[in-house]
Protein backbone atom coordinates (compact mmCIF):
# COMPACT_ATOMS: atom_id res chain seq x y z
CA MET A 1 17.07 -47.80 38.24
CA ALA A 2 15.13 -48.33 34.99
CA SER A 3 13.57 -44.85 35.00
CA ASP A 4 16.65 -42.78 35.92
CA TRP A 5 16.77 -41.25 32.41
CA ALA A 6 13.48 -39.50 33.04
CA THR A 7 14.22 -38.18 36.51
CA PHE A 8 17.46 -36.21 36.43
CA GLY A 9 19.77 -34.18 34.15
CA ALA A 10 19.38 -33.11 30.53
CA ASP A 11 18.40 -35.37 27.65
CA LEU A 12 20.83 -36.07 24.80
CA HIS A 13 19.65 -38.07 21.79
CA LEU A 14 22.38 -40.20 20.17
CA ASP A 15 22.14 -43.05 17.66
CA LEU A 16 24.91 -45.60 18.22
CA HIS A 17 25.58 -47.45 14.96
CA GLY A 18 28.15 -49.98 13.88
CA THR A 19 29.79 -53.04 15.41
CA THR A 20 33.21 -51.58 16.20
CA GLY A 21 32.58 -51.27 19.91
CA LEU A 22 30.49 -49.12 22.20
CA ARG A 23 33.16 -46.51 22.85
CA THR A 24 33.95 -46.05 19.15
CA GLY A 25 30.26 -45.91 18.29
CA LEU A 26 29.65 -43.32 20.97
CA MET A 27 32.58 -41.19 19.80
CA ASP A 28 31.37 -41.37 16.17
CA ALA A 29 27.86 -40.33 17.18
CA LEU A 30 29.14 -37.37 19.21
CA ARG A 31 31.51 -36.25 16.44
CA ASP A 32 28.66 -36.42 13.92
CA ALA A 33 26.36 -34.38 16.19
CA VAL A 34 29.02 -31.68 16.57
CA ARG A 35 30.11 -31.73 12.92
CA THR A 36 26.58 -31.24 11.57
CA GLY A 37 25.80 -28.48 14.06
CA ARG A 38 23.13 -30.42 15.96
CA LEU A 39 25.22 -29.84 19.09
CA ALA A 40 26.18 -26.18 19.03
CA PRO A 41 29.46 -24.83 20.43
CA ASP A 42 29.45 -24.52 24.24
CA THR A 43 26.54 -26.95 24.66
CA ARG A 44 26.88 -28.72 28.02
CA LEU A 45 26.75 -32.51 27.73
CA PRO A 46 25.25 -34.85 30.32
CA SER A 47 27.57 -36.20 32.96
CA SER A 48 29.24 -39.53 32.20
CA ARG A 49 27.08 -41.16 34.88
CA GLN A 50 23.84 -39.79 33.44
CA LEU A 51 24.65 -40.57 29.79
CA ALA A 52 25.78 -44.08 30.72
CA SER A 53 22.46 -44.64 32.53
CA ASP A 54 20.47 -43.24 29.60
CA LEU A 55 22.28 -45.40 27.02
CA GLY A 56 22.47 -48.51 29.20
CA ILE A 57 26.27 -48.79 28.97
CA ALA A 58 29.14 -48.69 31.44
CA ARG A 59 30.07 -45.34 32.93
CA ASN A 60 33.78 -45.95 32.15
CA THR A 61 32.90 -46.33 28.47
CA VAL A 62 31.35 -42.85 28.41
CA ALA A 63 34.16 -41.32 30.48
CA ASP A 64 36.81 -42.77 28.15
CA ALA A 65 34.91 -41.54 25.07
CA TYR A 66 34.63 -38.04 26.55
CA ALA A 67 38.36 -38.04 27.40
CA ASP A 68 39.35 -39.06 23.87
CA LEU A 69 37.14 -36.39 22.30
CA VAL A 70 38.60 -33.77 24.63
CA ALA A 71 42.07 -34.79 23.49
CA GLU A 72 40.99 -34.52 19.84
CA GLY A 73 39.57 -31.04 20.41
CA TRP A 74 35.89 -31.87 19.90
CA LEU A 75 34.99 -31.33 23.55
CA THR A 76 36.31 -29.35 26.52
CA ALA A 77 36.26 -30.34 30.18
CA ARG A 78 36.85 -27.93 33.06
CA GLN A 79 36.31 -28.32 36.77
CA GLY A 80 32.92 -26.88 37.72
CA SER A 81 31.87 -26.37 34.09
CA GLY A 82 31.34 -29.97 33.05
CA THR A 83 31.94 -31.36 29.59
CA ARG A 84 31.00 -29.04 26.73
CA VAL A 85 31.19 -28.89 22.95
CA ALA A 86 34.35 -27.02 21.97
CA ARG A 87 34.10 -23.69 20.21
CA ARG A 88 35.11 -24.64 16.71
CA ALA A 89 34.58 -23.12 13.28
CA GLU A 90 31.03 -22.99 11.96
CA PRO A 91 29.83 -26.49 11.03
CA ARG A 92 29.82 -27.43 7.36
CA ARG A 93 26.19 -27.72 6.30
CA ALA A 94 26.70 -28.15 2.57
CA GLY A 95 27.96 -31.28 0.82
CA PRO A 96 31.54 -32.53 1.05
CA GLY A 97 34.07 -30.13 -0.42
CA ALA A 98 31.62 -27.21 -0.58
CA ALA A 99 33.35 -23.88 -0.09
CA ALA A 100 31.76 -20.86 1.56
CA PRO A 101 31.44 -17.77 -0.66
CA ALA A 102 34.04 -15.08 -0.25
CA GLY A 103 33.30 -12.85 2.71
CA ALA A 104 30.64 -15.16 4.13
CA ARG A 105 32.43 -15.46 7.45
CA ARG A 106 32.20 -11.72 7.93
CA ARG A 107 28.42 -11.67 7.58
CA ARG A 108 25.74 -12.28 10.16
CA PRO A 109 24.57 -15.91 10.15
CA GLY A 110 21.22 -16.12 8.40
CA GLY A 111 21.13 -12.57 7.04
CA PRO A 112 22.84 -9.96 4.88
CA ALA A 113 25.78 -7.90 6.08
CA HIS A 114 23.69 -4.73 5.63
CA ASP A 115 19.89 -4.53 5.64
CA LEU A 116 18.04 -1.61 4.08
CA THR A 117 14.83 -3.41 3.18
CA PRO A 118 11.80 -1.17 3.77
CA GLY A 119 8.84 -1.82 6.03
CA THR A 120 10.53 -2.43 9.39
CA PRO A 121 11.41 0.02 12.17
CA ASP A 122 14.64 -0.05 14.17
CA LEU A 123 13.76 -3.05 16.33
CA ALA A 124 16.64 -2.36 18.72
CA SER A 125 14.87 0.85 19.72
CA PHE A 126 11.76 -0.88 21.03
CA PRO A 127 11.03 0.81 24.39
CA ARG A 128 11.44 -2.31 26.52
CA ALA A 129 11.62 -0.62 29.91
CA GLU A 130 8.53 1.55 29.33
CA TRP A 131 6.63 -1.36 27.81
CA LEU A 132 7.45 -3.51 30.82
CA LYS A 133 6.20 -0.81 33.18
CA ALA A 134 2.97 -0.56 31.20
CA ALA A 135 2.61 -4.34 31.20
CA ARG A 136 2.97 -4.49 34.99
CA ARG A 137 0.42 -1.75 35.51
CA ALA A 138 -1.98 -3.34 33.03
CA LEU A 139 -1.65 -6.80 34.54
CA THR A 140 -2.19 -5.46 38.04
CA ALA A 141 -5.31 -3.54 37.05
CA ALA A 142 -6.78 -6.13 34.65
CA PRO A 143 -10.24 -7.35 35.63
CA ASN A 144 -10.75 -11.09 35.92
CA GLU A 145 -12.89 -11.21 32.79
CA ALA A 146 -9.92 -9.94 30.74
CA PHE A 147 -8.46 -13.46 30.94
CA GLY A 148 -11.42 -15.00 29.14
CA TYR A 149 -12.42 -15.00 25.44
CA GLY A 150 -12.94 -11.38 24.50
CA ASP A 151 -15.18 -9.05 22.58
CA PRO A 152 -14.30 -9.53 18.88
CA ARG A 153 -13.90 -5.77 18.56
CA GLY A 154 -11.03 -5.86 21.07
CA ARG A 155 -10.58 -4.67 24.65
CA VAL A 156 -12.62 -1.57 25.44
CA GLU A 157 -9.64 -0.08 27.30
CA LEU A 158 -7.57 -0.10 24.12
CA ARG A 159 -10.39 1.09 21.89
CA THR A 160 -10.98 4.01 24.27
CA ALA A 161 -7.29 4.95 24.35
CA LEU A 162 -7.03 4.65 20.56
CA ALA A 163 -10.09 6.84 20.00
CA GLU A 164 -8.53 9.63 22.07
CA TYR A 165 -5.09 9.31 20.47
CA LEU A 166 -6.27 9.08 16.85
CA ALA A 167 -8.60 12.07 17.23
CA ARG A 168 -5.81 14.14 18.78
CA ALA A 169 -2.82 13.09 16.69
CA ARG A 170 -4.27 12.08 13.31
CA GLY A 171 -7.51 14.04 13.04
CA VAL A 172 -9.59 10.86 12.92
CA TYR A 173 -13.25 10.96 13.87
CA ALA A 174 -13.23 8.03 16.27
CA SER A 175 -15.23 6.55 19.09
CA PRO A 176 -14.57 3.25 20.88
CA GLU A 177 -17.72 1.76 19.34
CA ARG A 178 -16.35 2.32 15.80
CA ILE A 179 -12.96 0.68 16.41
CA VAL A 180 -12.10 -2.97 15.79
CA VAL A 181 -8.68 -4.20 16.92
CA CYS A 182 -6.96 -6.71 14.65
CA SER A 183 -3.68 -8.62 14.63
CA GLY A 184 -1.88 -6.58 12.01
CA PHE A 185 -2.85 -4.59 8.94
CA ALA A 186 -3.04 -7.72 6.80
CA HIS A 187 -5.59 -9.23 9.18
CA GLY A 188 -7.72 -6.10 8.95
CA LEU A 189 -7.52 -6.11 5.18
CA MET A 190 -8.48 -9.77 5.08
CA LEU A 191 -11.58 -9.04 7.19
CA LEU A 192 -12.55 -6.11 4.97
CA GLY A 193 -12.11 -8.21 1.84
CA LYS A 194 -14.45 -10.83 3.29
CA VAL A 195 -17.07 -8.22 4.23
CA LEU A 196 -16.91 -6.41 0.89
CA ARG A 197 -17.21 -9.64 -1.03
CA ALA A 198 -20.29 -10.52 1.03
CA ARG A 199 -21.66 -7.09 0.06
CA LYS A 200 -21.36 -8.13 -3.61
CA VAL A 201 -18.35 -5.90 -4.28
CA ARG A 202 -16.35 -7.43 -7.14
CA GLU A 203 -13.50 -4.93 -7.64
CA ILE A 204 -11.27 -2.81 -5.41
CA ALA A 205 -9.06 -0.21 -7.04
CA VAL A 206 -5.44 -0.07 -5.84
CA GLU A 207 -2.47 2.20 -6.40
CA SER A 208 -0.05 1.44 -9.22
CA TYR A 209 2.72 0.68 -6.72
CA GLY A 210 2.17 -1.15 -3.44
CA LEU A 211 2.62 -4.45 -1.63
CA ASP A 212 1.77 -7.66 -3.46
CA VAL A 213 0.97 -9.38 -0.15
CA HIS A 214 -1.95 -6.97 0.27
CA TRP A 215 -3.08 -7.48 -3.30
CA ASP A 216 -2.90 -11.26 -2.83
CA LEU A 217 -5.14 -11.08 0.24
CA LEU A 218 -7.80 -9.22 -1.71
CA THR A 219 -7.61 -11.40 -4.80
CA GLY A 220 -7.81 -14.39 -2.45
CA ALA A 221 -11.15 -13.02 -1.30
CA GLY A 222 -12.36 -13.15 -4.91
CA LEU A 223 -11.85 -9.46 -5.73
CA ARG A 224 -10.38 -8.00 -8.91
CA LEU A 225 -7.85 -5.18 -8.52
CA PRO A 226 -7.65 -2.56 -11.26
CA ALA A 227 -4.75 -0.14 -10.71
CA LEU A 228 -5.00 3.65 -10.75
CA GLY A 229 -2.30 5.66 -12.47
CA SER A 230 -0.05 8.14 -10.67
CA ASP A 231 2.02 11.24 -11.36
CA GLU A 232 3.81 13.97 -9.38
CA ARG A 233 0.55 14.83 -7.56
CA GLY A 234 0.01 11.24 -6.42
CA THR A 235 -2.59 8.65 -7.34
CA ARG A 236 -4.99 9.81 -10.06
CA THR A 237 -8.19 9.38 -8.09
CA GLY A 238 -10.17 11.02 -10.89
CA GLU A 239 -9.90 7.70 -12.75
CA LEU A 240 -12.25 6.11 -10.21
CA ALA A 241 -15.26 7.56 -11.98
CA SER A 242 -14.48 5.54 -15.11
CA LEU A 243 -14.16 2.25 -13.23
CA LYS A 244 -17.80 1.25 -13.10
CA GLY A 245 -17.44 -2.03 -11.23
CA VAL A 246 -15.28 -0.71 -8.40
CA GLY A 247 -16.81 -0.64 -4.91
CA ALA A 248 -13.77 0.47 -2.90
CA VAL A 249 -10.25 1.85 -3.27
CA LEU A 250 -7.18 1.02 -1.15
CA MET A 251 -4.82 3.97 -0.72
CA THR A 252 -1.86 5.34 1.28
CA PRO A 253 -2.73 9.05 1.02
CA ALA A 254 -0.47 10.52 3.74
CA HIS A 255 2.71 8.90 2.40
CA GLN A 256 2.35 6.70 -0.67
CA PHE A 257 4.06 3.35 -0.31
CA PRO A 258 6.57 2.97 -1.77
CA LEU A 259 6.94 6.03 -4.02
CA GLY A 260 6.85 8.43 -1.09
CA GLY A 261 4.58 11.26 -2.20
CA ALA A 262 1.60 12.78 -0.40
CA LEU A 263 -1.74 12.77 -2.17
CA HIS A 264 -2.63 16.25 -3.45
CA PRO A 265 -5.58 17.88 -1.60
CA ASP A 266 -7.67 17.97 -4.79
CA ARG A 267 -7.21 14.25 -5.24
CA ARG A 268 -8.01 13.53 -1.61
CA ALA A 269 -11.28 15.39 -2.09
CA ALA A 270 -11.91 13.58 -5.38
CA ALA A 271 -11.59 10.18 -3.71
CA VAL A 272 -14.09 11.11 -0.99
CA ASP A 273 -16.49 12.66 -3.55
CA TRP A 274 -16.37 9.44 -5.58
CA ALA A 275 -17.20 7.38 -2.48
CA ARG A 276 -20.15 9.65 -1.60
CA THR A 277 -21.53 9.61 -5.12
CA THR A 278 -21.25 5.88 -5.71
CA GLY A 279 -21.70 4.52 -2.18
CA GLY A 280 -18.16 3.14 -2.34
CA LEU A 281 -15.51 3.06 0.37
CA VAL A 282 -12.00 4.43 0.70
CA LEU A 283 -9.68 2.10 2.63
CA GLU A 284 -7.04 4.41 4.11
CA ASP A 285 -3.75 2.72 5.04
CA ASP A 286 -2.09 5.15 7.46
CA TYR A 287 0.91 2.89 8.04
CA ASP A 288 3.44 5.60 9.05
CA GLY A 289 1.31 8.72 9.41
CA GLU A 290 3.07 9.90 12.59
CA PHE A 291 6.43 10.29 10.85
CA ARG A 292 6.58 13.59 8.94
CA TYR A 293 9.84 15.57 9.26
CA ASP A 294 9.57 18.84 7.36
CA ARG A 295 6.21 20.02 8.68
CA GLN A 296 3.28 18.92 10.80
CA GLN A 297 1.89 15.69 9.45
CA VAL A 298 -1.17 15.81 7.21
CA GLY A 299 -4.34 14.68 8.97
CA ALA A 300 -6.03 11.46 8.03
CA LEU A 301 -8.31 11.36 5.02
CA GLN A 302 -10.98 9.74 7.22
CA GLY A 303 -11.79 13.10 8.81
CA LEU A 304 -13.33 14.26 5.52
CA ASP A 305 -16.09 11.66 5.70
CA PRO A 306 -16.08 9.04 8.49
CA GLU A 307 -19.01 7.20 6.89
CA ARG A 308 -17.22 6.62 3.58
CA VAL A 309 -13.61 6.08 4.74
CA VAL A 310 -12.23 3.10 6.66
CA TYR A 311 -9.14 4.14 8.59
CA LEU A 312 -6.49 1.46 9.18
CA GLY A 313 -3.53 1.99 11.50
CA THR A 314 -0.86 -0.23 13.00
CA ALA A 315 1.81 -0.40 15.68
CA SER A 316 4.10 -2.34 13.35
CA LYS A 317 5.98 0.74 12.12
CA SER A 318 5.89 2.87 15.26
CA LEU A 319 6.74 0.07 17.73
CA ALA A 320 7.32 -3.43 16.33
CA PRO A 321 5.59 -5.89 13.98
CA ALA A 322 5.84 -8.67 16.59
CA LEU A 323 3.16 -6.99 18.72
CA ARG A 324 0.56 -7.91 16.07
CA LEU A 325 -1.57 -4.89 16.94
CA ALA A 326 -3.53 -2.88 14.42
CA TRP A 327 -6.91 -1.21 14.29
CA MET A 328 -9.72 -0.14 12.02
CA VAL A 329 -11.96 2.89 12.55
CA LEU A 330 -15.09 1.94 10.66
CA PRO A 331 -18.19 3.61 9.31
CA GLU A 332 -21.04 2.87 11.71
CA ALA A 333 -22.75 0.60 9.20
CA LEU A 334 -19.69 -1.65 8.89
CA VAL A 335 -18.88 -2.28 12.55
CA GLY A 336 -21.23 -5.20 13.07
CA GLU A 337 -20.28 -6.90 9.81
CA VAL A 338 -16.54 -6.66 10.49
CA ALA A 339 -16.97 -7.87 14.06
CA ALA A 340 -19.01 -10.82 12.77
CA ALA A 341 -16.31 -11.62 10.19
CA LYS A 342 -13.73 -11.63 12.95
CA GLY A 343 -15.74 -14.20 14.90
CA PRO A 344 -17.93 -14.46 17.99
CA VAL A 345 -14.90 -14.00 20.30
CA ASP A 346 -11.49 -12.38 19.92
CA TRP A 347 -9.44 -15.33 18.69
CA HIS A 348 -6.57 -13.24 17.34
CA CYS A 349 -5.44 -10.40 19.59
CA GLY A 350 -3.99 -11.18 23.02
CA ALA A 351 -5.86 -9.30 25.75
CA LEU A 352 -2.75 -8.62 27.83
CA ASP A 353 -0.93 -6.98 24.90
CA GLN A 354 -4.02 -4.90 24.22
CA LEU A 355 -4.21 -3.79 27.85
CA THR A 356 -0.49 -3.01 27.88
CA PHE A 357 -0.78 -0.91 24.73
CA ALA A 358 -3.80 0.89 26.17
CA ASP A 359 -1.73 1.85 29.23
CA PHE A 360 1.23 2.75 27.00
CA LEU A 361 -1.00 5.15 25.06
CA ALA A 362 -2.81 6.64 28.05
CA SER A 363 0.39 7.26 30.02
CA GLY A 364 1.95 9.32 27.24
CA ALA A 365 4.75 6.79 26.69
CA TYR A 366 3.65 6.21 23.10
CA ASP A 367 3.82 9.93 22.29
CA ARG A 368 7.29 10.14 23.81
CA HIS A 369 8.47 7.12 21.86
CA VAL A 370 7.10 8.40 18.55
CA ARG A 371 8.76 11.80 19.07
CA ALA A 372 12.10 10.15 19.88
CA MET A 373 11.91 7.91 16.80
CA ARG A 374 10.83 10.83 14.65
CA LEU A 375 14.07 12.63 15.55
CA ARG A 376 16.14 9.49 14.96
CA TYR A 377 14.65 8.71 11.57
CA ARG A 378 14.81 12.32 10.46
CA ARG A 379 18.53 12.33 11.34
CA ARG A 380 19.08 9.21 9.26
CA ARG A 381 17.19 10.62 6.29
CA ASP A 382 19.25 13.80 6.50
CA GLN A 383 22.43 11.73 6.59
CA LEU A 384 21.25 9.80 3.54
CA VAL A 385 20.59 13.03 1.62
CA ALA A 386 24.00 14.45 2.62
CA ALA A 387 25.84 11.26 1.66
CA LEU A 388 24.18 11.21 -1.75
CA ALA A 389 25.10 14.85 -2.37
CA GLU A 390 28.74 14.02 -1.65
CA ARG A 391 29.13 10.53 -3.10
CA ALA A 392 26.49 10.24 -5.83
CA PRO A 393 25.41 13.79 -6.73
CA ASP A 394 23.29 12.63 -9.67
CA ILE A 395 21.00 10.67 -7.34
CA ARG A 396 18.31 12.55 -5.40
CA VAL A 397 15.80 11.37 -2.81
CA SER A 398 12.28 11.69 -4.19
CA GLY A 399 9.03 12.14 -2.28
CA ILE A 400 8.28 14.03 0.91
CA ALA A 401 10.43 14.03 4.05
CA ALA A 402 8.45 11.41 5.91
CA GLY A 403 8.22 7.78 6.88
CA LEU A 404 10.77 5.03 7.32
CA HIS A 405 12.00 4.72 3.75
CA ALA A 406 13.14 6.81 0.80
CA VAL A 407 13.05 6.27 -2.96
CA LEU A 408 16.21 6.90 -4.98
CA PRO A 409 15.35 7.22 -8.70
CA LEU A 410 18.03 5.67 -10.92
CA PRO A 411 18.97 6.24 -14.57
CA PRO A 412 16.75 4.22 -16.91
CA GLY A 413 17.81 0.62 -17.30
CA THR A 414 20.15 0.50 -14.27
CA GLU A 415 17.96 -0.89 -11.47
CA ARG A 416 18.84 -4.55 -11.99
CA ALA A 417 22.56 -3.83 -12.27
CA VAL A 418 22.53 -1.81 -9.05
CA LEU A 419 20.66 -4.60 -7.25
CA ARG A 420 23.27 -7.12 -8.44
CA ALA A 421 26.04 -4.87 -7.17
CA ALA A 422 24.23 -4.51 -3.84
CA ALA A 423 24.04 -8.29 -3.50
CA TRP A 424 27.81 -8.54 -4.02
CA GLN A 425 28.27 -5.98 -1.23
CA GLY A 426 26.08 -8.01 1.13
CA LEU A 427 23.48 -5.24 1.00
CA SER A 428 19.79 -6.13 1.11
CA VAL A 429 17.72 -3.47 -0.63
CA LEU A 430 14.73 -3.60 -2.97
CA GLY A 431 14.07 -2.03 -6.32
CA VAL A 432 11.00 0.00 -7.21
CA ASP A 433 9.95 -2.64 -9.72
CA ALA A 434 9.31 -5.13 -6.90
CA PHE A 435 6.28 -3.02 -5.91
CA ARG A 436 4.80 -2.40 -9.37
CA HIS A 437 1.26 -3.64 -10.01
CA PRO A 438 1.19 -6.26 -12.80
CA SER A 439 -0.99 -4.05 -14.99
CA THR A 440 1.26 -1.00 -14.58
CA PRO A 441 3.87 -0.49 -17.31
CA HIS A 442 7.52 -0.21 -16.30
CA THR A 443 8.29 3.51 -16.38
CA MET A 444 10.92 4.08 -13.70
CA ASP A 445 14.02 2.55 -12.12
CA GLY A 446 14.95 3.15 -8.51
CA LEU A 447 15.75 1.81 -5.07
CA VAL A 448 13.43 1.73 -2.05
CA VAL A 449 15.78 2.32 0.88
CA GLY A 450 14.54 1.39 4.36
CA TYR A 451 16.73 3.70 6.41
CA ALA A 452 14.85 2.86 9.62
CA THR A 453 15.69 -0.84 9.47
CA PRO A 454 19.33 -0.93 10.74
CA THR A 455 20.32 -0.37 14.34
CA ASP A 456 22.21 2.82 15.15
CA SER A 457 25.50 0.92 15.09
CA ALA A 458 24.72 -0.79 11.76
CA TRP A 459 23.41 2.32 9.97
CA PRO A 460 26.80 3.90 9.00
CA GLY A 461 28.01 0.66 7.41
CA ALA A 462 24.74 0.19 5.54
CA LEU A 463 24.86 3.76 4.24
CA GLU A 464 28.45 3.29 3.10
CA ALA A 465 27.55 0.07 1.29
CA LEU A 466 24.64 1.80 -0.42
CA CYS A 467 26.82 4.66 -1.66
CA ARG A 468 29.34 2.19 -3.10
CA VAL A 469 26.77 0.62 -5.44
CA LEU A 470 25.09 3.76 -6.74
CA PRO A 471 25.86 5.06 -10.26
CA GLY A 472 28.28 7.95 -10.11
CA GLU A 473 30.17 6.74 -7.02
CA SER A 474 33.88 6.61 -7.84
CA GLY A 475 33.04 6.10 -11.48
CA GLU A 476 30.99 2.95 -10.83
CA SER A 477 27.88 2.17 -12.84
CA GLY A 478 26.39 -0.49 -10.61
CA GLU A 479 28.17 -3.37 -12.39
């Protein structure tokens, strides 16, 4: 039957080249597909009857080719399991004769052996069972209109749940009408950059250390980004008064990223006073505000003046970045402009995820999850501090006991050497200099250690690898 290939079994694409015979050509094509990794180990191949029909050749030709490749060890054939690709060594993807680096076989394919990069929670701890329960409840209760194009501000159920939670847990002055849901912090920042540029703002002040991806979003909107200095009391917000062209400032006041300090109360007040006096705005990035370990967390800056502070929060650190859920609590005058910048309908944020998160918040599951992760991350930070005291006593964790990362100041001039040593250990970790604003002079060396990133089982190995590369460990200097 001419159309059998389209009506049964699984497809297998093979190019039969050469003039040495159909069976030899078929065997060469299968070997090449296995050798290059296109057919992964344990992949089930089509039956000889199906493949013969697809290729337009005799079934015996395919059966003989399969039998020869089984004998050579390329394939396996077992009763009831069919013909499969044998489990061989990893395919060679480099050129002929290329050798894998020492230790490569012991590492995870596609990633480092140990990952301490900051900015990601323990993804293995995502509360799958509770999220699934919330999703079922949300889907059952969802009104029909929830499956259409939505309000650009986001689902009212989520905005209502967020308003209650943020007021209770972060001291934010919030109402559902002031909240706009967005698909991640970067999306919110992009919208704000667009709105501020339309308002004729030309400059936004930023902290001397931060994320270049955020800076790039703002410069992409046509904004200039002068950097404020910092010291042991945090960002020097008093410098705002001397920056005459600045219309807003982007800050992480509860837990500066990445340096790890909390903004001093006087400087919090100074930032708000500057905004009131000049008509400017404070953009408050509260990326990990729920995670304070040595005391009750400091309330959001937004509570000091809801009409001059834009509060930005996200589920990326508390739950998972893949949810693409974040939110802005806006001054009343900005709500319409931000909603208009987002578009006439909600193109970005899936309604079902919003409804699930609303249920997750309202049921108390989010509070329970945050408390559980707070204990877990605090335990890891304590283990980091204890390991440093024992293995590298000259290295101390700086900043407050909070968040998902810690900064380890290093002796001057050693950051690059320690990062090279970390790479040799298969350890992914970033240096402080990776977060320095281009206009900020190099004044410190250090590591930014994301202790929340590994799973519980991977954390001890990552901590051990970190200790091995630090100056002072067993006489090592990072080289």
